Amino acid sequence: MHTIKIKIHDKVYNHFLWLLSKFSKDEIEIIDENDTFTKAQTLLQNELNEMNEGTASYYSIDELEARLEDKIKKHEDNL
């Protein structure tokens, strides 16, 4: 699968979206590249790089459960 980024003039934007809507979700997915998407993409790429470089930190199930329990206790009064 490939991802492309294009600029579309406002005058033809709706026509272009109509054309893309003729394809199934398996064929074409429209990704709204907003600030949240870009930040998440950068974060995930950095984490993948850490895994590939062998510098990522991993937790055991017990460590994860303890961390989650601490977070829940810390924030449960905020609900």
PDB file of N, CA and C in Angstrom:
ATOM      1  N   MET A   1       0.845  -1.173   0.000  1.00  0.00           N
ATOM      2  CA  MET A   1       0.000   0.000   0.000  1.00  0.00           C
ATOM      3  C   MET A   1       0.892   1.238   0.000  1.00  0.00           C
ATOM      4  N   HIS A   2       0.436   2.292  -0.653  1.00  0.00           N
ATOM      5  CA  HIS A   2       1.179   3.533  -0.761  1.00  0.00           C
ATOM      6  C   HIS A   2       0.371   4.672  -0.154  1.00  0.00           C
ATOM      7  N   THR A   3       1.084   5.683   0.319  1.00  0.00           N
ATOM      8  CA  THR A   3       0.454   6.892   0.821  1.00  0.00           C
ATOM      9  C   THR A   3       1.003   8.066   0.031  1.00  0.00           C
ATOM     10  N   ILE A   4       0.099   8.931  -0.428  1.00  0.00           N
ATOM     11  CA  ILE A   4       0.537  10.127  -1.141  1.00  0.00           C
ATOM     12  C   ILE A   4      -0.076  11.352  -0.472  1.00  0.00           C
ATOM     13  N   LYS A   5       0.603  12.465  -0.637  1.00  0.00           N
ATOM     14  CA  LYS A   5       0.105  13.731  -0.112  1.00  0.00           C
ATOM     15  C   LYS A   5      -0.009  14.676  -1.294  1.00  0.00           C
ATOM     16  N   ILE A   6      -1.211  15.245  -1.483  1.00  0.00           N
ATOM     17  CA  ILE A   6      -1.414  16.136  -2.623  1.00  0.00           C
ATOM     18  C   ILE A   6      -2.117  17.411  -2.162  1.00  0.00           C
ATOM     19  N   LYS A   7      -1.919  18.472  -2.924  1.00  0.00           N
ATOM     20  CA  LYS A   7      -2.644  19.720  -2.708  1.00  0.00           C
ATOM     21  C   LYS A   7      -3.727  19.799  -3.770  1.00  0.00           C
ATOM     22  N   ILE A   8      -4.930  20.160  -3.345  1.00  0.00           N
ATOM     23  CA  ILE A   8      -6.058  20.240  -4.273  1.00  0.00           C
ATOM     24  C   ILE A   8      -6.681  21.625  -4.147  1.00  0.00           C
ATOM     25  N   HIS A   9      -6.874  22.266  -5.253  1.00  0.00           N
ATOM     26  CA  HIS A   9      -7.493  23.593  -5.259  1.00  0.00           C
ATOM     27  C   HIS A   9      -8.929  23.488  -4.739  1.00  0.00           C
ATOM     28  N   ASP A  10      -9.343  24.504  -4.002  1.00  0.00           N
ATOM     29  CA  ASP A  10     -10.688  24.506  -3.425  1.00  0.00           C
ATOM     30  C   ASP A  10     -11.775  24.299  -4.475  1.00  0.00           C
ATOM     31  N   LYS A  11     -11.520  24.784  -5.660  1.00  0.00           N
ATOM     32  CA  LYS A  11     -12.503  24.712  -6.742  1.00  0.00           C
ATOM     33  C   LYS A  11     -12.830  23.271  -7.141  1.00  0.00           C
ATOM     34  N   VAL A  12     -11.869  22.362  -7.016  1.00  0.00           N
ATOM     35  CA  VAL A  12     -12.098  20.981  -7.451  1.00  0.00           C
ATOM     36  C   VAL A  12     -12.131  19.986  -6.282  1.00  0.00           C
ATOM     37  N   TYR A  13     -11.977  20.490  -5.066  1.00  0.00           N
ATOM     38  CA  TYR A  13     -11.885  19.618  -3.893  1.00  0.00           C
ATOM     39  C   TYR A  13     -13.086  18.672  -3.769  1.00  0.00           C
ATOM     40  N   ASN A  14     -14.293  19.207  -3.848  1.00  0.00           N
ATOM     41  CA  ASN A  14     -15.495  18.369  -3.709  1.00  0.00           C
ATOM     42  C   ASN A  14     -15.602  17.334  -4.823  1.00  0.00           C
ATOM     43  N   HIS A  15     -15.214  17.706  -6.018  1.00  0.00           N
ATOM     44  CA  HIS A  15     -15.234  16.758  -7.139  1.00  0.00           C
ATOM     45  C   HIS A  15     -14.235  15.621  -6.905  1.00  0.00           C
ATOM     46  N   PHE A  16     -13.083  15.996  -6.382  1.00  0.00           N
ATOM     47  CA  PHE A  16     -12.046  14.996  -6.115  1.00  0.00           C
ATOM     48  C   PHE A  16     -12.505  14.018  -5.028  1.00  0.00           C
ATOM     49  N   LEU A  17     -13.113  14.546  -3.956  1.00  0.00           N
ATOM     50  CA  LEU A  17     -13.633  13.678  -2.897  1.00  0.00           C
ATOM     51  C   LEU A  17     -14.726  12.765  -3.429  1.00  0.00           C
ATOM     52  N   TRP A  18     -15.562  13.284  -4.329  1.00  0.00           N
ATOM     53  CA  TRP A  18     -16.608  12.454  -4.937  1.00  0.00           C
ATOM     54  C   TRP A  18     -15.971  11.293  -5.697  1.00  0.00           C
ATOM     55  N   LEU A  19     -14.930  11.588  -6.462  1.00  0.00           N
ATOM     56  CA  LEU A  19     -14.240  10.542  -7.209  1.00  0.00           C
ATOM     57  C   LEU A  19     -13.667   9.484  -6.271  1.00  0.00           C
ATOM     58  N   LEU A  20     -13.014   9.928  -5.193  1.00  0.00           N
ATOM     59  CA  LEU A  20     -12.426   8.978  -4.244  1.00  0.00           C
ATOM     60  C   LEU A  20     -13.490   8.144  -3.546  1.00  0.00           C
ATOM     61  N   SER A  21     -14.661   8.706  -3.350  1.00  0.00           N
ATOM     62  CA  SER A  21     -15.735   7.972  -2.674  1.00  0.00           C
ATOM     63  C   SER A  21     -16.244   6.795  -3.505  1.00  0.00           C
ATOM     64  N   LYS A  22     -15.920   6.752  -4.763  1.00  0.00           N
ATOM     65  CA  LYS A  22     -16.340   5.650  -5.639  1.00  0.00           C
ATOM     66  C   LYS A  22     -15.527   4.380  -5.405  1.00  0.00           C
ATOM     67  N   PHE A  23     -14.427   4.493  -4.675  1.00  0.00           N
ATOM     68  CA  PHE A  23     -13.610   3.334  -4.335  1.00  0.00           C
ATOM     69  C   PHE A  23     -14.034   2.794  -2.973  1.00  0.00           C
ATOM     70  N   SER A  24     -13.791   1.527  -2.746  1.00  0.00           N
ATOM     71  CA  SER A  24     -14.129   0.934  -1.453  1.00  0.00           C
ATOM     72  C   SER A  24     -13.088   1.344  -0.408  1.00  0.00           C
ATOM     73  N   LYS A  25     -13.420   1.173   0.869  1.00  0.00           N
ATOM     74  CA  LYS A  25     -12.501   1.505   1.963  1.00  0.00           C
ATOM     75  C   LYS A  25     -11.242   0.633   1.908  1.00  0.00           C
ATOM     76  N   ASP A  26     -11.351  -0.557   1.307  1.00  0.00           N
ATOM     77  CA  ASP A  26     -10.187  -1.429   1.171  1.00  0.00           C
ATOM     78  C   ASP A  26      -9.218  -0.913   0.111  1.00  0.00           C
ATOM     79  N   GLU A  27      -9.749  -0.136  -0.826  1.00  0.00           N
ATOM     80  CA  GLU A  27      -8.921   0.368  -1.919  1.00  0.00           C
ATOM     81  C   GLU A  27      -8.292   1.726  -1.587  1.00  0.00           C
ATOM     82  N   ILE A  28      -9.094   2.626  -1.015  1.00  0.00           N
ATOM     83  CA  ILE A  28      -8.615   3.977  -0.719  1.00  0.00           C
ATOM     84  C   ILE A  28      -9.151   4.407   0.639  1.00  0.00           C
ATOM     85  N   GLU A  29      -8.258   4.935   1.460  1.00  0.00           N
ATOM     86  CA  GLU A  29      -8.651   5.491   2.753  1.00  0.00           C
ATOM     87  C   GLU A  29      -8.197   6.946   2.781  1.00  0.00           C
ATOM     88  N   ILE A  30      -9.126   7.828   3.083  1.00  0.00           N
ATOM     89  CA  ILE A  30      -8.788   9.240   3.180  1.00  0.00           C
ATOM     90  C   ILE A  30      -8.319   9.511   4.605  1.00  0.00           C
ATOM     91  N   ILE A  31      -7.095   9.973   4.734  1.00  0.00           N
ATOM     92  CA  ILE A  31      -6.505  10.243   6.044  1.00  0.00           C
ATOM     93  C   ILE A  31      -6.463  11.756   6.228  1.00  0.00           C
ATOM     94  N   ASP A  32      -7.185  12.228   7.215  1.00  0.00           N
ATOM     95  CA  ASP A  32      -7.172  13.654   7.521  1.00  0.00           C
ATOM     96  C   ASP A  32      -5.901  13.952   8.301  1.00  0.00           C
ATOM     97  N   GLU A  33      -4.968  14.601   7.660  1.00  0.00           N
ATOM     98  CA  GLU A  33      -3.674  14.858   8.285  1.00  0.00           C
ATOM     99  C   GLU A  33      -3.740  16.156   9.074  1.00  0.00           C
ATOM    100  N   ASN A  34      -4.221  16.041  10.295  1.00  0.00           N
ATOM    101  CA  ASN A  34      -4.265  17.203  11.167  1.00  0.00           C
ATOM    102  C   ASN A  34      -3.110  17.138  12.155  1.00  0.00           C
ATOM    103  N   ASP A  35      -3.055  18.093  13.046  1.00  0.00           N
ATOM    104  CA  ASP A  35      -1.947  18.181  13.995  1.00  0.00           C
ATOM    105  C   ASP A  35      -1.873  16.939  14.880  1.00  0.00           C
ATOM    106  N   THR A  36      -3.012  16.428  15.311  1.00  0.00           N
ATOM    107  CA  THR A  36      -3.037  15.242  16.165  1.00  0.00           C
ATOM    108  C   THR A  36      -2.458  14.045  15.430  1.00  0.00           C
ATOM    109  N   PHE A  37      -2.847  13.872  14.168  1.00  0.00           N
ATOM    110  CA  PHE A  37      -2.342  12.769  13.356  1.00  0.00           C
ATOM    111  C   PHE A  37      -0.823  12.865  13.198  1.00  0.00           C
ATOM    112  N   THR A  38      -0.335  14.056  12.897  1.00  0.00           N
ATOM    113  CA  THR A  38       1.094  14.252  12.681  1.00  0.00           C
ATOM    114  C   THR A  38       1.887  13.968  13.947  1.00  0.00           C
ATOM    115  N   LYS A  39       1.389  14.431  15.102  1.00  0.00           N
ATOM    116  CA  LYS A  39       2.076  14.172  16.374  1.00  0.00           C
ATOM    117  C   LYS A  39       2.098  12.678  16.684  1.00  0.00           C
ATOM    118  N   ALA A  40       0.968  12.003  16.479  1.00  0.00           N
ATOM    119  CA  ALA A  40       0.905  10.562  16.736  1.00  0.00           C
ATOM    120  C   ALA A  40       1.847   9.813  15.807  1.00  0.00           C
ATOM    121  N   GLN A  41       1.896  10.205  14.550  1.00  0.00           N
ATOM    122  CA  GLN A  41       2.772   9.554  13.582  1.00  0.00           C
ATOM    123  C   GLN A  41       4.237   9.712  13.996  1.00  0.00           C
ATOM    124  N   THR A  42       4.611  10.900  14.434  1.00  0.00           N
ATOM    125  CA  THR A  42       5.986  11.160  14.872  1.00  0.00           C
ATOM    126  C   THR A  42       6.330  10.334  16.104  1.00  0.00           C
ATOM    127  N   LEU A  43       5.414  10.312  17.081  1.00  0.00           N
ATOM    128  CA  LEU A  43       5.622   9.533  18.302  1.00  0.00           C
ATOM    129  C   LEU A  43       5.816   8.049  17.983  1.00  0.00           C
ATOM    130  N   LEU A  44       4.944   7.502  17.151  1.00  0.00           N
ATOM    131  CA  LEU A  44       5.036   6.086  16.810  1.00  0.00           C
ATOM    132  C   LEU A  44       6.307   5.773  16.020  1.00  0.00           C
ATOM    133  N   GLN A  45       6.710   6.683  15.146  1.00  0.00           N
ATOM    134  CA  GLN A  45       7.942   6.464  14.384  1.00  0.00           C
ATOM    135  C   GLN A  45       9.148   6.455  15.317  1.00  0.00           C
ATOM    136  N   ASN A  46       9.159   7.370  16.302  1.00  0.00           N
ATOM    137  CA  ASN A  46      10.251   7.403  17.280  1.00  0.00           C
ATOM    138  C   ASN A  46      10.297   6.120  18.098  1.00  0.00           C
ATOM    139  N   GLU A  47       9.125   5.625  18.502  1.00  0.00           N
ATOM    140  CA  GLU A  47       9.086   4.383  19.266  1.00  0.00           C
ATOM    141  C   GLU A  47       9.555   3.198  18.425  1.00  0.00           C
ATOM    142  N   LEU A  48       9.173   3.168  17.164  1.00  0.00           N
ATOM    143  CA  LEU A  48       9.636   2.105  16.274  1.00  0.00           C
ATOM    144  C   LEU A  48      11.142   2.168  16.103  1.00  0.00           C
ATOM    145  N   ASN A  49      11.684   3.376  15.974  1.00  0.00           N
ATOM    146  CA  ASN A  49      13.133   3.537  15.850  1.00  0.00           C
ATOM    147  C   ASN A  49      13.843   3.011  17.094  1.00  0.00           C
ATOM    148  N   GLU A  50      13.295   3.296  18.288  1.00  0.00           N
ATOM    149  CA  GLU A  50      13.885   2.789  19.529  1.00  0.00           C
ATOM    150  C   GLU A  50      13.874   1.262  19.555  1.00  0.00           C
ATOM    151  N   MET A  51      12.788   0.655  19.112  1.00  0.00           N
ATOM    152  CA  MET A  51      12.722  -0.814  19.075  1.00  0.00           C
ATOM    153  C   MET A  51      13.761  -1.376  18.115  1.00  0.00           C
ATOM    154  N   ASN A  52      13.869  -0.763  16.935  1.00  0.00           N
ATOM    155  CA  ASN A  52      14.834  -1.239  15.938  1.00  0.00           C
ATOM    156  C   ASN A  52      16.277  -1.058  16.389  1.00  0.00           C
ATOM    157  N   GLU A  53      16.530  -0.001  17.167  1.00  0.00           N
ATOM    158  CA  GLU A  53      17.887   0.271  17.652  1.00  0.00           C
ATOM    159  C   GLU A  53      18.212  -0.488  18.931  1.00  0.00           C
ATOM    160  N   GLY A  54      17.215  -1.133  19.525  1.00  0.00           N
ATOM    161  CA  GLY A  54      17.434  -1.882  20.752  1.00  0.00           C
ATOM    162  C   GLY A  54      17.504  -1.019  22.001  1.00  0.00           C
ATOM    163  N   THR A  55      16.994   0.215  21.923  1.00  0.00           N
ATOM    164  CA  THR A  55      17.036   1.114  23.078  1.00  0.00           C
ATOM    165  C   THR A  55      15.675   1.281  23.748  1.00  0.00           C
ATOM    166  N   ALA A  56      14.671   0.551  23.303  1.00  0.00           N
ATOM    167  CA  ALA A  56      13.320   0.665  23.871  1.00  0.00           C
ATOM    168  C   ALA A  56      13.264   0.001  25.239  1.00  0.00           C
ATOM    169  N   SER A  57      12.406   0.537  26.111  1.00  0.00           N
ATOM    170  CA  SER A  57      12.182  -0.053  27.430  1.00  0.00           C
ATOM    171  C   SER A  57      10.928  -0.918  27.372  1.00  0.00           C
ATOM    172  N   TYR A  58      11.004  -2.084  27.953  1.00  0.00           N
ATOM    173  CA  TYR A  58       9.871  -3.006  27.978  1.00  0.00           C
ATOM    174  C   TYR A  58       9.521  -3.318  29.424  1.00  0.00           C
ATOM    175  N   TYR A  59       8.256  -3.671  29.660  1.00  0.00           N
ATOM    176  CA  TYR A  59       7.780  -3.996  30.993  1.00  0.00           C
ATOM    177  C   TYR A  59       7.195  -5.403  30.991  1.00  0.00           C
ATOM    178  N   SER A  60       7.358  -6.080  32.117  1.00  0.00           N
ATOM    179  CA  SER A  60       6.709  -7.380  32.280  1.00  0.00           C
ATOM    180  C   SER A  60       5.228  -7.136  32.570  1.00  0.00           C
ATOM    181  N   ILE A  61       4.441  -8.166  32.524  1.00  0.00           N
ATOM    182  CA  ILE A  61       3.011  -8.054  32.823  1.00  0.00           C
ATOM    183  C   ILE A  61       2.813  -7.533  34.247  1.00  0.00           C
ATOM    184  N   ASP A  62       3.591  -8.042  35.193  1.00  0.00           N
ATOM    185  CA  ASP A  62       3.467  -7.595  36.578  1.00  0.00           C
ATOM    186  C   ASP A  62       3.814  -6.116  36.715  1.00  0.00           C
ATOM    187  N   GLU A  63       4.879  -5.685  36.046  1.00  0.00           N
ATOM    188  CA  GLU A  63       5.266  -4.272  36.088  1.00  0.00           C
ATOM    189  C   GLU A  63       4.185  -3.386  35.455  1.00  0.00           C
ATOM    190  N   LEU A  64       3.625  -3.858  34.359  1.00  0.00           N
ATOM    191  CA  LEU A  64       2.573  -3.117  33.683  1.00  0.00           C
ATOM    192  C   LEU A  64       1.349  -2.976  34.579  1.00  0.00           C
ATOM    193  N   GLU A  65       0.941  -4.075  35.206  1.00  0.00           N
ATOM    194  CA  GLU A  65      -0.218  -4.033  36.098  1.00  0.00           C
ATOM    195  C   GLU A  65       0.014  -3.071  37.260  1.00  0.00           C
ATOM    196  N   ALA A  66       1.209  -3.067  37.811  1.00  0.00           N
ATOM    197  CA  ALA A  66       1.527  -2.159  38.917  1.00  0.00           C
ATOM    198  C   ALA A  66       1.480  -0.706  38.449  1.00  0.00           C
ATOM    199  N   ARG A  67       2.023  -0.424  37.278  1.00  0.00           N
ATOM    200  CA  ARG A  67       2.001   0.939  36.741  1.00  0.00           C
ATOM    201  C   ARG A  67       0.575   1.393  36.467  1.00  0.00           C
ATOM    202  N   LEU A  68      -0.234   0.500  35.893  1.00  0.00           N
ATOM    203  CA  LEU A  68      -1.622   0.839  35.616  1.00  0.00           C
ATOM    204  C   LEU A  68      -2.399   1.091  36.908  1.00  0.00           C
ATOM    205  N   GLU A  69      -2.173   0.265  37.897  1.00  0.00           N
ATOM    206  CA  GLU A  69      -2.841   0.429  39.194  1.00  0.00           C
ATOM    207  C   GLU A  69      -2.467   1.773  39.823  1.00  0.00           C
ATOM    208  N   ASP A  70      -1.204   2.151  39.741  1.00  0.00           N
ATOM    209  CA  ASP A  70      -0.769   3.453  40.260  1.00  0.00           C
ATOM    210  C   ASP A  70      -1.476   4.598  39.536  1.00  0.00           C
ATOM    211  N   LYS A  71      -1.568   4.495  38.213  1.00  0.00           N
ATOM    212  CA  LYS A  71      -2.234   5.542  37.429  1.00  0.00           C
ATOM    213  C   LYS A  71      -3.711   5.633  37.783  1.00  0.00           C
ATOM    214  N   ILE A  72      -4.358   4.491  37.930  1.00  0.00           N
ATOM    215  CA  ILE A  72      -5.781   4.482  38.271  1.00  0.00           C
ATOM    216  C   ILE A  72      -6.000   5.126  39.631  1.00  0.00           C
ATOM    217  N   LYS A  73      -5.182   4.749  40.615  1.00  0.00           N
ATOM    218  CA  LYS A  73      -5.314   5.326  41.955  1.00  0.00           C
ATOM    219  C   LYS A  73      -5.083   6.831  41.929  1.00  0.00           C
ATOM    220  N   LYS A  74      -4.136   7.267  41.126  1.00  0.00           N
ATOM    221  CA  LYS A  74      -3.786   8.678  41.038  1.00  0.00           C
ATOM    222  C   LYS A  74      -4.938   9.496  40.461  1.00  0.00           C
ATOM    223  N   HIS A  75      -5.677   8.930  39.515  1.00  0.00           N
ATOM    224  CA  HIS A  75      -6.678   9.691  38.771  1.00  0.00           C
ATOM    225  C   HIS A  75      -8.126   9.300  39.080  1.00  0.00           C
ATOM    226  N   GLU A  76      -8.363   8.324  39.938  1.00  0.00           N
ATOM    227  CA  GLU A  76      -9.739   7.861  40.129  1.00  0.00           C
ATOM    228  C   GLU A  76     -10.630   8.911  40.785  1.00  0.00           C
ATOM    229  N   ASP A  77     -10.069   9.853  41.529  1.00  0.00           N
ATOM    230  CA  ASP A  77     -10.887  10.905  42.149  1.00  0.00           C
ATOM    231  C   ASP A  77     -11.268  11.999  41.151  1.00  0.00           C
ATOM    232  N   ASN A  78     -10.654  11.994  39.982  1.00  0.00           N
ATOM    233  CA  ASN A  78     -10.928  13.013  38.973  1.00  0.00           C
ATOM    234  C   ASN A  78     -12.150  12.675  38.126  1.00  0.00           C
ATOM    235  N   LEU A  79     -12.706  11.501  38.287  1.00  0.00           N
ATOM    236  CA  LEU A  79     -13.862  11.101  37.471  1.00  0.00           C
ATOM    237  C   LEU A  79     -15.122  11.731  37.923  1.00  0.00           C
TER     238      LEU A  79
END
